[in-house]
N, C-alpha and C. Protein backbone atom coordinates (compact mmCIF):
# COMPACT_ATOMS: atom_id res chain seq x y z
N MET A 1 -20.97 -11.00 -223.41
CA MET A 1 -19.98 -11.08 -224.50
C MET A 1 -19.50 -9.67 -224.81
N ARG A 2 -18.17 -9.59 -225.00
CA ARG A 2 -17.55 -8.35 -225.34
C ARG A 2 -17.45 -8.45 -226.90
N SER A 3 -17.86 -7.28 -227.52
CA SER A 3 -17.71 -7.17 -228.94
C SER A 3 -16.67 -6.17 -229.37
N THR A 4 -16.24 -5.31 -228.47
CA THR A 4 -15.23 -4.36 -228.66
C THR A 4 -14.33 -4.35 -227.45
N TYR A 5 -13.03 -4.01 -227.70
CA TYR A 5 -12.12 -3.94 -226.58
C TYR A 5 -12.28 -2.67 -225.79
N LYS A 6 -11.93 -2.76 -224.52
CA LYS A 6 -11.95 -1.52 -223.69
C LYS A 6 -10.52 -1.11 -223.45
N LEU A 7 -10.27 0.16 -223.31
CA LEU A 7 -8.98 0.64 -222.99
C LEU A 7 -8.73 0.43 -221.49
N PRO A 8 -7.46 0.32 -221.06
CA PRO A 8 -7.16 0.10 -219.62
C PRO A 8 -7.73 1.10 -218.69
N HIS A 9 -7.88 2.39 -219.12
CA HIS A 9 -8.48 3.37 -218.21
C HIS A 9 -9.96 3.34 -218.12
N GLU A 10 -10.63 2.55 -218.93
CA GLU A 10 -12.04 2.53 -219.01
C GLU A 10 -12.59 1.49 -217.96
N ALA A 11 -13.76 1.81 -217.43
CA ALA A 11 -14.38 0.88 -216.46
C ALA A 11 -14.70 -0.46 -217.09
N ASP A 12 -14.57 -1.48 -216.26
CA ASP A 12 -14.93 -2.86 -216.78
C ASP A 12 -16.41 -2.99 -216.85
N VAL A 13 -16.91 -3.56 -217.93
CA VAL A 13 -18.35 -3.69 -218.05
C VAL A 13 -18.89 -4.97 -217.40
N TRP A 14 -18.04 -5.81 -216.97
CA TRP A 14 -18.41 -7.01 -216.25
C TRP A 14 -18.51 -6.80 -214.73
N PRO A 15 -19.51 -7.27 -214.08
CA PRO A 15 -19.57 -7.18 -212.59
C PRO A 15 -18.45 -8.02 -211.96
N ALA A 16 -18.04 -7.62 -210.76
CA ALA A 16 -17.01 -8.35 -210.09
C ALA A 16 -17.52 -9.78 -209.78
N ALA A 17 -16.65 -10.80 -209.93
CA ALA A 17 -17.11 -12.13 -209.67
C ALA A 17 -17.00 -12.47 -208.16
N ASP A 18 -18.02 -13.18 -207.69
CA ASP A 18 -17.98 -13.70 -206.31
C ASP A 18 -17.27 -14.99 -206.28
N VAL A 19 -17.30 -15.75 -207.32
CA VAL A 19 -16.62 -17.06 -207.46
C VAL A 19 -16.57 -17.30 -208.99
N ALA A 20 -15.60 -18.12 -209.33
CA ALA A 20 -15.45 -18.52 -210.75
C ALA A 20 -15.18 -20.05 -210.85
N VAL A 21 -15.82 -20.63 -211.89
CA VAL A 21 -15.68 -22.08 -212.18
C VAL A 21 -14.95 -22.21 -213.58
N VAL A 22 -13.91 -22.97 -213.59
CA VAL A 22 -13.20 -23.25 -214.83
C VAL A 22 -13.48 -24.77 -215.12
N ALA A 23 -14.49 -25.01 -215.94
CA ALA A 23 -14.86 -26.35 -216.21
C ALA A 23 -15.67 -26.37 -217.53
N PRO A 24 -15.58 -27.43 -218.32
CA PRO A 24 -14.66 -28.53 -218.12
C PRO A 24 -13.27 -28.03 -218.52
N ALA A 25 -12.31 -28.33 -217.71
CA ALA A 25 -10.93 -27.83 -217.89
C ALA A 25 -10.11 -28.89 -218.66
N THR A 26 -9.66 -28.60 -219.86
CA THR A 26 -8.87 -29.53 -220.61
C THR A 26 -7.47 -29.68 -220.05
N PHE A 27 -6.75 -30.65 -220.61
CA PHE A 27 -5.39 -30.89 -220.23
C PHE A 27 -4.53 -29.60 -220.46
N ASN A 28 -4.78 -29.01 -221.65
CA ASN A 28 -4.08 -27.79 -221.94
C ASN A 28 -4.36 -26.68 -221.01
N THR A 29 -5.64 -26.46 -220.72
CA THR A 29 -6.06 -25.35 -219.86
C THR A 29 -5.43 -25.51 -218.49
N ILE A 30 -5.49 -26.68 -217.88
CA ILE A 30 -4.93 -26.93 -216.62
C ILE A 30 -3.47 -26.62 -216.51
N ASN A 31 -2.68 -27.21 -217.54
CA ASN A 31 -1.24 -26.95 -217.59
C ASN A 31 -0.84 -25.55 -217.84
N GLN A 32 -1.55 -24.86 -218.74
CA GLN A 32 -1.27 -23.49 -219.10
C GLN A 32 -1.53 -22.65 -217.86
N TRP A 33 -2.62 -22.85 -217.21
CA TRP A 33 -3.05 -22.06 -216.07
C TRP A 33 -1.92 -22.23 -214.98
N ALA A 34 -1.60 -23.39 -214.72
CA ALA A 34 -0.60 -23.65 -213.54
C ALA A 34 0.73 -23.01 -213.93
N LEU A 35 1.10 -23.00 -215.17
CA LEU A 35 2.44 -22.49 -215.65
C LEU A 35 2.35 -21.00 -215.90
N GLY A 36 1.14 -20.38 -215.92
CA GLY A 36 1.08 -18.96 -216.15
C GLY A 36 1.07 -18.56 -217.58
N ILE A 37 0.71 -19.46 -218.44
CA ILE A 37 0.76 -19.15 -219.86
C ILE A 37 -0.71 -18.73 -220.23
N THR A 38 -0.80 -17.46 -220.45
CA THR A 38 -2.16 -16.86 -220.55
C THR A 38 -2.62 -16.42 -221.98
N GLU A 39 -2.28 -17.22 -222.98
CA GLU A 39 -2.69 -16.81 -224.33
C GLU A 39 -4.10 -16.97 -224.59
N LYS A 40 -4.85 -17.74 -223.75
CA LYS A 40 -6.33 -17.88 -223.88
C LYS A 40 -6.93 -17.00 -222.84
N PHE A 41 -8.07 -16.42 -223.26
CA PHE A 41 -8.78 -15.46 -222.37
C PHE A 41 -9.14 -16.13 -221.05
N VAL A 42 -9.72 -17.30 -221.11
CA VAL A 42 -10.14 -17.97 -219.85
C VAL A 42 -8.99 -18.32 -218.94
N VAL A 43 -7.84 -18.62 -219.47
CA VAL A 43 -6.70 -18.90 -218.65
C VAL A 43 -6.14 -17.62 -218.02
N GLY A 44 -6.15 -16.52 -218.78
CA GLY A 44 -5.73 -15.22 -218.31
C GLY A 44 -6.68 -14.71 -217.20
N PHE A 45 -8.00 -14.95 -217.39
CA PHE A 45 -8.91 -14.57 -216.34
C PHE A 45 -8.67 -15.39 -215.04
N ALA A 46 -8.52 -16.70 -215.20
CA ALA A 46 -8.31 -17.55 -214.05
C ALA A 46 -6.97 -17.26 -213.31
N ALA A 47 -5.95 -16.97 -214.06
CA ALA A 47 -4.65 -16.64 -213.48
C ALA A 47 -4.76 -15.32 -212.69
N GLU A 48 -5.47 -14.32 -213.27
CA GLU A 48 -5.61 -13.05 -212.59
C GLU A 48 -6.52 -13.17 -211.37
N ALA A 49 -7.52 -14.00 -211.44
CA ALA A 49 -8.43 -14.28 -210.33
C ALA A 49 -7.79 -14.76 -209.10
N ILE A 50 -6.68 -15.54 -209.29
CA ILE A 50 -5.90 -15.91 -208.10
C ILE A 50 -5.38 -14.75 -207.33
N GLY A 51 -4.76 -13.79 -208.04
CA GLY A 51 -4.28 -12.61 -207.48
C GLY A 51 -5.25 -11.69 -206.85
N LYS A 52 -6.45 -11.75 -207.52
CA LYS A 52 -7.58 -10.94 -206.96
C LYS A 52 -8.31 -11.61 -205.86
N LYS A 53 -7.92 -12.77 -205.46
CA LYS A 53 -8.54 -13.47 -204.34
C LYS A 53 -9.98 -13.91 -204.64
N ILE A 54 -10.28 -14.07 -205.88
CA ILE A 54 -11.62 -14.58 -206.27
C ILE A 54 -11.56 -16.09 -206.04
N PRO A 55 -12.50 -16.64 -205.28
CA PRO A 55 -12.56 -18.11 -205.09
C PRO A 55 -12.72 -18.81 -206.46
N LEU A 56 -11.89 -19.83 -206.66
CA LEU A 56 -11.90 -20.58 -207.94
C LEU A 56 -12.10 -22.07 -207.69
N VAL A 57 -12.92 -22.64 -208.56
CA VAL A 57 -13.19 -23.97 -208.63
C VAL A 57 -12.84 -24.49 -210.01
N THR A 58 -12.17 -25.63 -210.13
CA THR A 58 -11.90 -26.18 -211.44
C THR A 58 -12.22 -27.71 -211.40
N MET A 59 -12.73 -28.22 -212.53
CA MET A 59 -12.95 -29.60 -212.64
C MET A 59 -12.48 -29.98 -214.02
N PRO A 60 -11.31 -30.72 -214.05
CA PRO A 60 -10.80 -31.12 -215.33
C PRO A 60 -11.74 -32.10 -216.03
N CYS A 61 -11.52 -32.23 -217.38
CA CYS A 61 -12.18 -33.21 -218.19
C CYS A 61 -11.12 -33.76 -219.12
N VAL A 62 -10.38 -34.77 -218.63
CA VAL A 62 -9.38 -35.40 -219.38
C VAL A 62 -9.50 -36.91 -219.33
N ASN A 63 -9.00 -37.58 -220.35
CA ASN A 63 -9.03 -39.04 -220.22
C ASN A 63 -7.91 -39.59 -219.39
N ALA A 64 -7.98 -40.88 -219.10
CA ALA A 64 -6.98 -41.47 -218.13
C ALA A 64 -5.57 -41.37 -218.69
N ALA A 65 -5.38 -41.40 -220.03
CA ALA A 65 -3.99 -41.30 -220.57
C ALA A 65 -3.42 -39.88 -220.31
N PHE A 66 -4.21 -38.88 -220.45
CA PHE A 66 -3.68 -37.49 -220.12
C PHE A 66 -3.46 -37.40 -218.66
N ALA A 67 -4.33 -37.97 -217.86
CA ALA A 67 -4.26 -37.84 -216.41
C ALA A 67 -2.96 -38.53 -215.89
N GLU A 68 -2.36 -39.45 -216.60
CA GLU A 68 -1.16 -40.06 -216.16
C GLU A 68 0.08 -39.24 -216.51
N HIS A 69 0.00 -38.22 -217.26
CA HIS A 69 1.11 -37.36 -217.61
C HIS A 69 1.68 -36.68 -216.32
N THR A 70 2.93 -36.70 -216.06
CA THR A 70 3.44 -36.13 -214.82
C THR A 70 3.21 -34.66 -214.73
N GLN A 71 3.21 -33.90 -215.78
CA GLN A 71 2.88 -32.47 -215.69
C GLN A 71 1.49 -32.18 -215.23
N PHE A 72 0.55 -33.03 -215.65
CA PHE A 72 -0.85 -32.83 -215.25
C PHE A 72 -0.95 -32.88 -213.71
N ALA A 73 -0.41 -33.93 -213.12
CA ALA A 73 -0.43 -34.01 -211.62
C ALA A 73 0.29 -32.84 -210.95
N ARG A 74 1.43 -32.37 -211.50
CA ARG A 74 2.12 -31.24 -210.97
C ARG A 74 1.23 -29.94 -211.09
N SER A 75 0.59 -29.81 -212.20
CA SER A 75 -0.22 -28.67 -212.43
C SER A 75 -1.41 -28.66 -211.48
N LEU A 76 -2.01 -29.82 -211.21
CA LEU A 76 -3.14 -29.87 -210.24
C LEU A 76 -2.64 -29.48 -208.89
N ASP A 77 -1.48 -29.96 -208.50
CA ASP A 77 -0.89 -29.64 -207.17
C ASP A 77 -0.55 -28.17 -207.10
N THR A 78 -0.08 -27.56 -208.17
CA THR A 78 0.23 -26.10 -208.19
C THR A 78 -1.04 -25.35 -208.06
N LEU A 79 -2.10 -25.67 -208.73
CA LEU A 79 -3.34 -24.92 -208.59
C LEU A 79 -3.82 -25.00 -207.17
N ARG A 80 -3.84 -26.25 -206.62
CA ARG A 80 -4.34 -26.44 -205.29
C ARG A 80 -3.49 -25.53 -204.28
N ALA A 81 -2.15 -25.45 -204.47
CA ALA A 81 -1.26 -24.69 -203.66
C ALA A 81 -1.61 -23.19 -203.78
N MET A 82 -2.18 -22.77 -204.83
CA MET A 82 -2.62 -21.40 -205.08
C MET A 82 -4.01 -21.10 -204.52
N GLY A 83 -4.63 -22.17 -203.95
CA GLY A 83 -5.98 -21.95 -203.34
C GLY A 83 -7.16 -22.33 -204.26
N VAL A 84 -6.86 -22.91 -205.42
CA VAL A 84 -7.96 -23.34 -206.30
C VAL A 84 -8.50 -24.66 -205.79
N ARG A 85 -9.84 -24.76 -205.74
CA ARG A 85 -10.46 -25.99 -205.38
C ARG A 85 -10.53 -26.86 -206.66
N VAL A 86 -9.78 -27.96 -206.62
CA VAL A 86 -9.68 -28.84 -207.75
C VAL A 86 -10.58 -30.13 -207.53
N LEU A 87 -11.50 -30.33 -208.38
CA LEU A 87 -12.34 -31.50 -208.27
C LEU A 87 -11.90 -32.52 -209.35
N HIS A 88 -11.05 -33.38 -208.83
CA HIS A 88 -10.45 -34.45 -209.76
C HIS A 88 -10.33 -35.66 -208.94
N GLY A 89 -10.76 -36.81 -209.44
CA GLY A 89 -10.66 -38.04 -208.76
C GLY A 89 -11.95 -38.41 -208.07
N PRO A 90 -11.96 -39.13 -206.99
CA PRO A 90 -13.14 -39.64 -206.36
C PRO A 90 -14.10 -38.56 -205.99
N ASP A 91 -13.65 -37.32 -205.60
CA ASP A 91 -14.58 -36.30 -205.28
C ASP A 91 -14.86 -35.32 -206.36
N GLY A 92 -14.61 -35.68 -207.61
CA GLY A 92 -14.84 -34.86 -208.73
C GLY A 92 -14.90 -35.59 -209.97
N PHE A 93 -14.26 -35.21 -211.04
CA PHE A 93 -14.29 -35.86 -212.33
C PHE A 93 -13.31 -37.03 -212.28
N VAL A 94 -13.77 -38.19 -212.60
CA VAL A 94 -12.93 -39.36 -212.71
C VAL A 94 -12.74 -39.63 -214.19
N PRO A 95 -11.40 -39.62 -214.55
CA PRO A 95 -11.05 -39.84 -215.97
C PRO A 95 -11.47 -41.25 -216.44
N ASN A 96 -11.93 -41.28 -217.69
CA ASN A 96 -12.24 -42.48 -218.33
C ASN A 96 -11.16 -42.96 -219.30
N LYS A 97 -11.26 -44.10 -219.86
CA LYS A 97 -10.33 -44.59 -220.81
C LYS A 97 -10.39 -43.71 -222.06
N PRO A 98 -9.24 -43.58 -222.77
CA PRO A 98 -9.28 -42.82 -224.06
C PRO A 98 -10.29 -43.38 -224.97
N GLY A 99 -11.04 -42.53 -225.65
CA GLY A 99 -12.04 -42.91 -226.62
C GLY A 99 -13.40 -43.30 -226.00
N GLU A 100 -13.52 -43.21 -224.71
CA GLU A 100 -14.79 -43.60 -224.05
C GLU A 100 -15.46 -42.38 -223.40
N GLY A 101 -15.36 -41.27 -224.08
CA GLY A 101 -15.96 -40.09 -223.52
C GLY A 101 -17.41 -40.13 -223.38
N ARG A 102 -17.95 -39.62 -222.37
CA ARG A 102 -19.37 -39.54 -222.03
C ARG A 102 -19.71 -38.18 -221.55
N PRO A 103 -19.78 -37.13 -222.48
CA PRO A 103 -20.07 -35.81 -221.98
C PRO A 103 -21.32 -35.68 -221.17
N ASP A 104 -22.28 -36.51 -221.44
CA ASP A 104 -23.53 -36.51 -220.68
C ASP A 104 -23.40 -36.88 -219.27
N LEU A 105 -22.23 -37.50 -218.88
CA LEU A 105 -22.02 -37.93 -217.50
C LEU A 105 -21.07 -36.97 -216.76
N TYR A 106 -20.67 -35.89 -217.42
CA TYR A 106 -19.76 -34.94 -216.74
C TYR A 106 -20.51 -34.40 -215.47
N PRO A 107 -20.00 -34.44 -214.34
CA PRO A 107 -20.60 -34.16 -213.06
C PRO A 107 -20.66 -32.63 -212.80
N TRP A 108 -21.43 -31.94 -213.64
CA TRP A 108 -21.54 -30.45 -213.48
C TRP A 108 -22.03 -30.11 -212.04
N HIS A 109 -22.90 -30.87 -211.46
CA HIS A 109 -23.48 -30.59 -210.24
C HIS A 109 -22.35 -30.45 -209.15
N LEU A 110 -21.26 -31.20 -209.23
CA LEU A 110 -20.20 -31.05 -208.27
C LEU A 110 -19.47 -29.70 -208.34
N ALA A 111 -19.26 -29.23 -209.61
CA ALA A 111 -18.63 -27.95 -209.73
C ALA A 111 -19.55 -26.82 -209.25
N LEU A 112 -20.82 -26.95 -209.57
CA LEU A 112 -21.74 -25.92 -209.11
C LEU A 112 -21.95 -25.88 -207.64
N GLU A 113 -21.96 -27.07 -206.98
CA GLU A 113 -22.14 -27.15 -205.56
C GLU A 113 -20.84 -26.58 -204.91
N ALA A 114 -19.69 -26.86 -205.44
CA ALA A 114 -18.43 -26.30 -204.87
C ALA A 114 -18.42 -24.79 -205.01
N ALA A 115 -18.87 -24.24 -206.11
CA ALA A 115 -18.97 -22.86 -206.33
C ALA A 115 -19.93 -22.13 -205.33
N ASP A 116 -21.05 -22.79 -205.16
CA ASP A 116 -22.04 -22.27 -204.20
C ASP A 116 -21.46 -22.22 -202.82
N HIS A 117 -20.77 -23.30 -202.43
CA HIS A 117 -20.16 -23.42 -201.08
C HIS A 117 -19.08 -22.30 -200.98
N ALA A 118 -18.30 -22.09 -202.05
CA ALA A 118 -17.26 -21.04 -201.89
C ALA A 118 -17.85 -19.69 -201.83
N ALA A 119 -18.93 -19.42 -202.60
CA ALA A 119 -19.53 -18.15 -202.57
C ALA A 119 -20.13 -17.82 -201.17
N ARG A 120 -20.70 -18.84 -200.56
CA ARG A 120 -21.37 -18.66 -199.20
C ARG A 120 -20.37 -18.49 -198.14
N ASN A 121 -19.15 -18.97 -198.35
CA ASN A 121 -18.09 -18.99 -197.29
C ASN A 121 -16.95 -18.05 -197.50
N THR A 122 -17.13 -17.06 -198.42
CA THR A 122 -16.11 -16.07 -198.71
C THR A 122 -16.53 -14.77 -197.91
N PRO A 123 -15.58 -14.26 -197.20
CA PRO A 123 -15.87 -13.02 -196.40
C PRO A 123 -16.16 -11.87 -197.35
């Protein structure tokens, strides 16, 4: 955790990432990331990681109503086109009906397995 800001010329205190996981990724996070709106730290990190060629995995956590929004599908496609491994649908998070959230069933293991795979297969 950073408690003070560093100046641009100062060394980064964080080690370089081998892989990054953005999860659970909300409707807003996915859309802002794909559109390059980086007002949140995590979205800025993820957007910059694309340019740094850091392998990225994301697994949304949205209900079925949000998943039906046309921008959400576009955003997932945009992230995939930029090389982000998106775990959504049968091979990832399957949206549930609104109001039927089950955070205990979020498939963290899929995101962690994908991250492990990406880390092992990155030159």
